[in-house]
Protein backbone atom coordinates (compact mmCIF):
# COMPACT_ATOMS: atom_id res chain seq x y z
CA MET A 1 -23.21 289.05 -16.06
CA THR A 2 -21.88 285.28 -15.59
CA PHE A 3 -19.50 283.32 -13.03
CA GLN A 4 -16.54 283.22 -15.74
CA GLU A 5 -17.14 286.87 -16.80
CA GLU A 6 -16.65 288.31 -13.30
CA LEU A 7 -13.50 286.27 -12.71
CA VAL A 8 -12.58 287.51 -15.90
CA GLU A 9 -13.51 291.20 -14.86
CA LEU A 10 -11.38 290.73 -11.78
CA ARG A 11 -8.55 289.07 -13.32
CA ARG A 12 -8.37 291.53 -16.17
CA SER A 13 -8.80 294.54 -13.49
CA LEU A 14 -5.81 292.97 -11.68
CA HIS A 15 -3.70 292.62 -14.67
CA ARG A 16 -4.03 296.43 -15.68
CA GLU A 17 -2.51 297.35 -12.08
CA PRO A 18 0.25 295.41 -10.78
CA GLU A 19 2.24 295.39 -8.14
CA VAL A 20 5.54 293.96 -6.59
CA GLY A 21 6.50 292.81 -3.54
CA LEU A 22 5.01 292.63 -0.30
CA ASP A 23 2.82 296.17 -0.45
CA LEU A 24 0.14 295.46 -3.05
CA PRO A 25 -2.40 297.84 -1.57
CA ARG A 26 -4.52 298.33 -4.83
CA THR A 27 -4.54 294.82 -5.14
CA GLN A 28 -5.60 293.75 -1.54
CA GLU A 29 -8.20 296.53 -2.50
CA LYS A 30 -9.92 294.62 -5.26
CA VAL A 31 -9.66 291.36 -3.74
CA LEU A 32 -11.40 292.53 -0.29
CA ALA A 33 -13.93 294.19 -2.81
CA ALA A 34 -14.40 291.10 -4.62
CA LEU A 35 -15.00 289.38 -0.82
CA ASP A 36 -17.26 291.82 -0.15
CA GLY A 37 -21.09 290.26 1.22
CA LEU A 38 -19.65 287.05 1.86
CA PRO A 39 -19.83 285.11 4.92
CA LEU A 40 -16.49 285.32 6.39
CA GLU A 41 -14.12 286.29 8.74
CA ILE A 42 -11.29 288.50 7.48
CA THR A 43 -8.31 289.81 8.45
CA THR A 44 -5.65 291.53 6.61
CA GLY A 45 -1.77 291.72 7.03
CA GLU A 46 0.54 293.21 9.19
CA ARG A 47 3.93 293.57 7.43
CA LEU A 48 2.48 292.66 3.78
CA SER A 49 -0.39 293.28 1.95
CA SER A 50 -2.06 289.98 2.20
CA VAL A 51 -5.67 288.49 2.95
CA THR A 52 -6.75 285.83 5.15
CA ALA A 53 -10.53 285.01 4.66
CA VAL A 54 -12.32 282.08 6.69
CA LEU A 55 -15.11 280.22 5.90
CA ARG A 56 -17.09 278.30 8.68
CA GLY A 57 -19.31 275.09 7.78
CA SER A 58 -22.90 274.55 8.64
CA ARG A 59 -20.87 271.36 10.27
CA PRO A 60 -17.91 271.20 13.08
CA GLY A 61 -14.62 269.84 11.72
CA PRO A 62 -10.94 270.38 10.47
CA ALA A 63 -10.14 273.14 8.14
CA VAL A 64 -8.57 272.91 5.18
CA LEU A 65 -6.20 275.51 3.44
CA LEU A 66 -6.54 277.10 -0.06
CA ARG A 67 -4.01 279.69 -1.41
CA ALA A 68 -3.47 282.22 -4.30
CA ASP A 69 -0.14 284.55 -4.60
CA MET A 70 -0.90 288.44 -5.61
CA ASP A 71 2.02 289.83 -6.62
CA ALA A 72 3.55 290.75 -10.64
CA LEU A 73 7.23 291.24 -11.61
CA PRO A 74 9.11 294.14 -12.04
CA VAL A 75 9.11 293.44 -16.19
CA HIS A 76 7.81 295.78 -18.76
CA GLU A 77 4.76 294.22 -20.94
CA LYS A 78 5.19 293.94 -24.40
CA ALA A 79 1.93 291.26 -25.02
CA ASP A 80 -0.38 293.31 -27.02
CA VAL A 81 -4.00 292.80 -24.98
CA PRO A 82 -6.62 295.12 -24.25
CA TYR A 83 -5.76 294.82 -20.71
CA ARG A 84 -2.21 295.20 -20.69
CA SER A 85 -0.66 296.76 -17.91
CA ARG A 86 -0.87 300.04 -16.96
CA VAL A 87 1.96 300.49 -14.68
CA ASP A 88 5.49 301.08 -16.41
CA GLY A 89 7.86 297.95 -15.75
CA VAL A 90 5.66 296.23 -13.92
CA MET A 91 3.58 293.32 -15.49
CA HIS A 92 1.76 290.20 -14.17
CA ALA A 93 4.03 287.58 -16.27
CA CYS A 94 3.56 284.96 -13.82
CA GLY A 95 -0.08 284.12 -14.10
CA HIS A 96 -1.14 285.42 -10.17
CA ASP A 97 -3.70 287.72 -11.20
CA LEU A 98 -5.13 284.40 -12.52
CA HIS A 99 -4.46 282.20 -9.33
CA THR A 100 -6.12 285.37 -7.36
CA ALA A 101 -9.40 285.50 -9.37
CA MET A 102 -9.29 282.02 -9.28
CA LEU A 103 -9.20 281.75 -5.45
CA ALA A 104 -11.92 284.76 -4.96
CA GLY A 105 -14.23 282.75 -7.30
CA ALA A 106 -13.80 280.17 -4.91
CA ALA A 107 -14.73 282.03 -1.58
CA ARG A 108 -18.39 282.56 -3.93
CA LEU A 109 -18.85 279.25 -4.63
CA LEU A 110 -17.85 277.88 -1.24
CA SER A 111 -19.88 280.84 0.67
CA GLY A 112 -22.91 278.87 -1.39
CA ARG A 113 -21.70 276.02 -0.46
CA ARG A 114 -21.53 275.76 3.43
CA ALA A 115 -23.95 273.49 4.31
CA ASP A 116 -21.84 270.92 2.21
CA LEU A 117 -18.76 272.34 4.35
CA ALA A 118 -17.98 269.86 7.76
CA GLY A 119 -15.26 272.13 8.83
CA ASP A 120 -13.37 275.59 7.84
CA VAL A 121 -11.52 276.75 4.66
CA VAL A 122 -9.23 278.81 5.04
CA PHE A 123 -8.29 281.34 2.11
CA MET A 124 -4.65 282.72 1.82
CA PHE A 125 -4.06 285.59 -0.75
CA GLN A 126 -0.67 285.76 -0.74
CA PRO A 127 2.20 288.66 -1.28
CA GLY A 128 5.65 288.67 -2.02
CA GLU A 129 5.75 285.02 -3.64
CA GLU A 130 8.32 286.25 -6.20
CA GLY A 131 11.33 286.16 -3.86
CA GLN A 132 10.29 287.93 -0.97
CA GLU A 133 9.02 285.03 1.19
CA GLY A 134 5.53 286.02 1.76
CA ALA A 135 4.14 282.70 2.76
CA LYS A 136 6.49 282.34 5.60
CA ILE A 137 5.72 285.85 6.84
CA MET A 138 1.67 284.89 6.52
CA ILE A 139 2.87 281.69 8.58
CA GLU A 140 4.47 283.77 10.85
CA GLU A 141 1.25 285.98 11.17
CA GLY A 142 -0.67 283.05 11.94
CA VAL A 143 -2.54 282.01 8.51
CA LEU A 144 -2.20 278.33 9.46
CA ASP A 145 -3.83 279.11 12.91
CA ALA A 146 -6.65 281.14 11.19
CA ALA A 147 -9.40 278.91 11.80
CA GLY A 148 -8.50 277.89 15.15
CA SER A 149 -6.64 274.66 14.01
CA THR A 150 -3.73 273.59 11.85
CA PRO A 151 -5.77 272.79 8.18
CA VAL A 152 -5.65 269.38 7.50
CA ALA A 153 -4.57 270.06 4.28
CA ALA A 154 -3.49 272.81 1.97
CA TYR A 155 -3.70 273.18 -2.08
CA GLY A 156 -2.53 275.94 -4.64
CA MET A 157 -2.22 276.02 -8.40
CA HIS A 158 0.16 278.18 -10.55
CA VAL A 159 -0.42 278.45 -14.16
CA PHE A 160 2.11 278.09 -16.88
CA SER A 161 1.47 280.21 -20.26
CA THR A 162 4.15 277.59 -22.27
CA THR A 163 5.21 274.03 -22.69
CA ILE A 164 1.64 272.34 -20.69
CA PRO A 165 -1.33 271.71 -22.97
CA ARG A 166 -4.15 274.38 -22.27
CA GLY A 167 -6.53 272.97 -19.91
CA LEU A 168 -4.16 270.24 -18.85
CA PHE A 169 -3.95 269.72 -14.65
CA LEU A 170 -1.06 268.16 -13.52
CA THR A 171 0.56 267.12 -10.25
CA ARG A 172 2.67 264.44 -8.71
CA GLY A 173 3.72 262.73 -5.19
CA GLY A 174 6.65 264.16 -3.68
CA PRO A 175 9.22 266.59 -4.77
CA VAL A 176 7.30 268.81 -7.26
CA LEU A 177 9.38 272.41 -7.62
CA ALA A 178 13.27 272.69 -6.72
CA ALA A 179 14.82 274.47 -3.37
CA ALA A 180 16.29 277.89 -5.04
CA ASP A 181 19.56 279.33 -3.22
CA THR A 182 22.49 281.27 -4.82
CA LEU A 183 25.93 281.30 -4.38
CA THR A 184 27.94 284.11 -5.11
CA VAL A 185 31.57 283.89 -5.53
CA THR A 186 34.40 286.66 -5.18
CA VAL A 187 37.87 285.88 -6.75
CA ARG A 188 40.60 288.36 -5.20
CA GLY A 189 43.92 288.94 -6.79
CA ARG A 190 46.58 291.86 -7.40
CA GLY A 191 45.77 293.88 -10.41
CA GLY A 192 48.09 294.77 -12.82
CA HIS A 193 48.93 295.62 -16.66
CA GLY A 194 47.94 293.34 -19.02
CA SER A 195 50.81 292.72 -21.06
CA SER A 196 52.94 291.83 -17.84
CA PRO A 197 50.56 289.06 -16.20
CA HIS A 198 53.62 287.49 -13.81
CA ARG A 199 53.70 290.34 -11.69
CA ALA A 200 49.68 290.50 -11.12
CA LEU A 201 47.85 287.76 -9.65
CA ASP A 202 44.95 287.68 -12.30
CA PRO A 203 41.67 286.45 -10.83
CA ILE A 204 39.64 286.25 -14.30
CA PRO A 205 41.17 282.79 -15.28
CA ALA A 206 40.72 281.39 -11.91
CA ALA A 207 37.34 282.69 -11.93
CA CYS A 208 36.70 281.44 -15.14
CA GLU A 209 37.99 277.95 -14.07
CA ILE A 210 35.95 277.70 -11.13
CA VAL A 211 32.93 278.42 -13.34
CA THR A 212 33.60 275.21 -15.26
CA ALA A 213 34.75 273.14 -12.26
CA LEU A 214 31.12 273.81 -10.52
CA GLN A 215 29.60 272.05 -13.57
CA THR A 216 32.26 269.03 -13.04
CA HIS A 217 31.79 268.88 -9.52
CA VAL A 218 27.81 268.62 -9.84
CA THR A 219 28.06 265.84 -12.72
CA ARG A 220 30.46 263.67 -10.93
CA THR A 221 29.34 264.10 -7.13
CA PHE A 222 25.10 263.86 -7.95
CA ASP A 223 23.00 260.91 -8.62
CA VAL A 224 21.47 262.18 -12.09
CA PHE A 225 17.78 261.27 -10.43
CA ASP A 226 18.15 263.08 -7.62
CA PRO A 227 19.42 266.24 -9.89
CA VAL A 228 21.43 269.44 -9.25
CA VAL A 229 21.52 272.50 -11.62
CA VAL A 230 23.76 275.15 -11.32
CA THR A 231 23.48 278.20 -13.65
CA VAL A 232 25.96 281.05 -13.95
CA GLY A 233 24.04 283.97 -14.85
CA SER A 234 26.23 286.74 -13.92
CA PHE A 235 29.89 287.35 -13.90
CA HIS A 236 31.82 290.49 -13.89
CA ALA A 237 35.61 291.26 -14.22
CA GLY A 238 37.89 294.55 -15.19
CA THR A 239 37.34 297.53 -17.14
CA THR A 240 39.01 297.12 -20.28
CA ASP A 241 41.39 295.21 -22.35
CA ASN A 242 44.89 295.69 -20.85
CA VAL A 243 44.33 296.22 -16.93
CA ILE A 244 44.43 292.85 -14.93
CA PRO A 245 41.53 293.65 -12.27
CA ASP A 246 42.03 293.01 -8.62
CA GLU A 247 38.85 290.85 -8.43
CA ALA A 248 36.30 289.06 -10.33
CA ARG A 249 32.78 288.45 -9.30
CA PHE A 250 29.75 285.79 -10.17
CA GLU A 251 26.44 284.91 -8.94
CA THR A 252 24.94 281.35 -9.56
CA THR A 253 21.28 280.19 -8.91
CA ILE A 254 21.37 276.82 -7.90
CA ARG A 255 18.05 274.69 -8.28
CA THR A 256 18.13 271.05 -5.73
CA PHE A 257 15.60 268.44 -5.44
CA SER A 258 16.19 267.02 -2.19
CA ALA A 259 17.17 268.39 1.36
CA ASP A 260 19.89 266.07 1.51
CA SER A 261 21.55 267.49 -2.47
CA ARG A 262 20.76 271.10 -1.19
CA ASP A 263 23.24 270.37 2.03
CA ARG A 264 25.56 269.16 -0.24
CA ALA A 265 25.81 271.18 -2.80
CA ARG A 266 26.45 274.40 -0.45
CA ASP A 267 29.13 272.63 0.81
CA GLY A 268 31.11 271.17 -2.05
CA LEU A 269 30.55 273.88 -4.70
CA VAL A 270 31.96 276.02 -1.98
CA ARG A 271 34.97 273.66 -1.38
CA VAL A 272 36.07 273.79 -5.07
CA ALA A 273 35.44 277.21 -5.67
CA ARG A 274 37.73 277.96 -2.31
CA GLY A 275 40.14 274.91 -3.52
CA ILE A 276 40.93 276.63 -6.93
CA GLY A 277 41.74 279.88 -5.40
CA GLU A 278 43.90 278.47 -2.96
CA ALA A 279 45.63 276.47 -6.00
CA HIS A 280 46.49 279.99 -7.59
CA GLY A 281 47.17 282.00 -4.57
CA LEU A 282 44.01 284.05 -4.29
CA THR A 283 41.52 284.32 -2.02
CA VAL A 284 37.83 283.70 -2.75
CA GLU A 285 34.54 285.00 -0.99
CA CYS A 286 31.45 282.75 -0.88
CA GLU A 287 28.10 283.93 0.08
CA PHE A 288 25.24 281.26 0.03
CA GLY A 289 22.14 282.50 -0.23
CA ILE A 290 19.27 280.62 1.26
CA GLY A 291 16.06 280.67 -0.88
CA TYR A 292 12.62 278.98 -0.90
CA PRO A 293 13.00 274.76 -0.41
CA VAL A 294 11.98 271.81 -1.92
CA THR A 295 7.84 272.42 -2.64
CA VAL A 296 7.38 268.66 -1.69
CA ASN A 297 3.61 267.25 -2.20
CA ASP A 298 2.15 264.86 0.21
CA ARG A 299 1.48 261.52 -2.14
CA THR A 300 -1.65 261.45 -0.33
CA GLU A 301 -2.93 264.42 -0.92
CA SER A 302 -1.34 264.44 -4.69
CA ASP A 303 -3.42 261.51 -5.21
CA PHE A 304 -6.73 262.90 -4.32
CA ALA A 305 -5.89 265.83 -6.16
CA ALA A 306 -5.67 264.32 -9.14
CA GLU A 307 -8.69 262.12 -8.37
CA ILE A 308 -10.84 265.43 -7.87
CA VAL A 309 -9.35 266.98 -11.49
CA ARG A 310 -10.94 263.24 -12.64
CA GLU A 311 -14.02 263.64 -11.54
CA HIS A 312 -14.93 267.40 -11.74
CA LEU A 313 -13.53 268.21 -15.01
CA GLY A 314 -13.02 264.84 -16.59
CA ALA A 315 -10.25 261.67 -16.97
CA ASP A 316 -8.42 263.64 -20.15
CA ARG A 317 -7.81 266.84 -17.89
CA PHE A 318 -5.15 265.61 -15.67
CA PHE A 319 -1.85 264.04 -16.59
CA PRO A 320 0.41 263.23 -14.27
CA LEU A 321 4.08 265.35 -13.98
CA PRO A 322 6.61 262.46 -14.26
CA ASN A 323 9.56 264.93 -13.46
CA PRO A 324 9.58 267.85 -10.59
CA ALA A 325 10.09 271.11 -12.83
CA THR A 326 12.42 273.66 -12.04
CA GLY A 327 11.19 276.38 -10.73
CA SER A 328 10.82 277.16 -7.35
CA GLU A 329 7.72 278.43 -5.27
CA ASP A 330 7.24 279.91 -1.26
CA PHE A 331 4.27 277.65 -1.00
CA SER A 332 6.69 275.13 -0.34
CA TYR A 333 7.08 276.78 3.38
CA VAL A 334 3.30 275.76 3.84
CA LEU A 335 4.01 272.12 2.74
CA GLU A 336 6.51 271.75 4.97
CA ARG A 337 4.24 272.36 7.87
CA VAL A 338 0.56 271.31 6.22
CA PRO A 339 -0.12 268.21 4.06
CA GLY A 340 -1.28 269.35 1.12
CA ALA A 341 -0.58 269.37 -3.26
CA PHE A 342 0.46 272.04 -5.45
CA LEU A 343 -0.79 271.73 -9.27
CA ILE A 344 0.52 272.80 -12.25
CA VAL A 345 -2.33 274.54 -14.83
CA GLY A 346 -1.89 274.59 -18.23
CA ALA A 347 -3.12 278.08 -19.46
CA CYS A 348 -1.81 279.04 -23.18
CA PRO A 349 -4.23 281.23 -25.15
CA PRO A 350 -6.04 279.29 -27.92
CA ASP A 351 -4.36 280.85 -30.96
CA ARG A 352 -0.84 279.97 -29.58
CA ASP A 353 1.44 276.89 -29.59
CA ALA A 354 2.16 275.32 -25.88
CA ALA A 355 5.50 274.30 -27.00
CA THR A 356 6.65 277.77 -28.27
CA ALA A 357 5.14 280.17 -26.69
CA PRO A 358 6.78 282.75 -24.62
CA SER A 359 7.11 281.61 -21.03
CA ASN A 360 6.37 282.95 -17.22
CA HIS A 361 8.39 285.49 -16.58
CA SER A 362 8.38 287.01 -20.15
CA ALA A 363 7.60 290.18 -21.41
CA GLU A 364 5.20 288.92 -23.94
CA ALA A 365 3.65 285.85 -21.86
CA GLU A 366 -0.14 285.82 -22.13
CA PHE A 367 -2.51 283.37 -20.17
CA ASP A 368 -6.31 281.85 -21.20
CA ASP A 369 -9.00 283.06 -19.23
CA ALA A 370 -11.07 280.16 -20.15
CA ILE A 371 -9.37 278.66 -16.77
CA LEU A 372 -10.86 280.53 -14.42
CA SER A 373 -13.64 279.25 -13.48
CA ASP A 374 -12.08 275.82 -13.77
CA GLY A 375 -9.18 276.28 -11.30
CA ALA A 376 -12.16 277.92 -9.19
CA GLY A 377 -14.13 274.95 -9.48
CA LEU A 378 -11.72 272.71 -8.77
CA PHE A 379 -10.55 274.86 -5.58
CA THR A 380 -14.07 274.23 -4.67
CA GLU A 381 -14.01 270.80 -5.09
CA LEU A 382 -11.08 270.29 -2.94
CA ALA A 383 -12.01 271.80 -0.16
CA VAL A 384 -15.72 270.36 -0.07
CA ARG A 385 -14.36 266.81 -0.94
CA ARG A 386 -11.44 266.94 1.71
CA LEU A 387 -13.35 267.91 4.60
CA ALA A 388 -15.97 265.66 3.60
CA LEU A 389 -13.03 262.93 3.52
CA ALA A 390 -11.66 263.95 7.36
CA ALA A 391 -15.27 263.65 8.71
CA HIS A 392 -15.16 259.61 7.49
């Protein structure tokens, strides 16, 4: 069996048995089996099913960290593939199974190149990226100190099933992914009969006014080159057509690309919501949920990663990401503490058009296994070359 075939077998095994959240026992078991026999110092998590592996190089030096997330999504798979999920309502719809296979492959390749390593490599296999802050928990449990010193650089990758041409690697210096926060607004009034709204305090028109005012606040307060995106994804009020309810409630996701805009959005959006409620004689409760911070690449490390892609895979395989992507990532917690780079990888299958293919998180998302050996090889070269650079 070739190296690529081994990676495909691991990836498809992970895909058939996906797990959600922080507790991934079957996934952890598969990763440990893939690492078995390699010269690694392995520890597992206490509060989550993480795997941390350290490879000691033949010469002393600093450490480099490579990361893969391992968790799936609560999505029922509709993709017609022979290795489709066997778990109802759970699917690797975001490609984390590919990330895991790539990193396991890199561990194997680097184990065969210990003589080339002037330092150590930390392999971070992380559960709970999809909203459970798995990276933050792994940091609290010591992943950044696993080699005995804080890594000098950290690298992660994420496959995309759409938008990006197959086999292309993209990154940029500075913000690469958004911060993701939530705002839940509850407008409280006084219910009554729909035929006599003047005898009630109707929360629905005020809540609707707040929804539109939040959009106006964004466009008239924030620089378009430091964007803020506010989307109301859930709105609930009332039970029937002729009853004015006591309250209306809606939930928003807020995407920002700088710490300053993130802070200002939190304060400004809450102020707008409460002000409109007060103008209508209503009370407004705002609950702001702090999510993942902005994922910020170190510019030197992103330039280095781009150079390695061009040298290792070819100049035509790299394209500079012109703008940050609007998704979010808990690898941001690692990059707050360690300079590094996060890369986006085009993995749309060859029989699909990347411009129209189902996106990550779709029940019909599919990814091209051909990218696995490229990802494992790139992880390997990043580690070897970055440690060599540190040695000089």
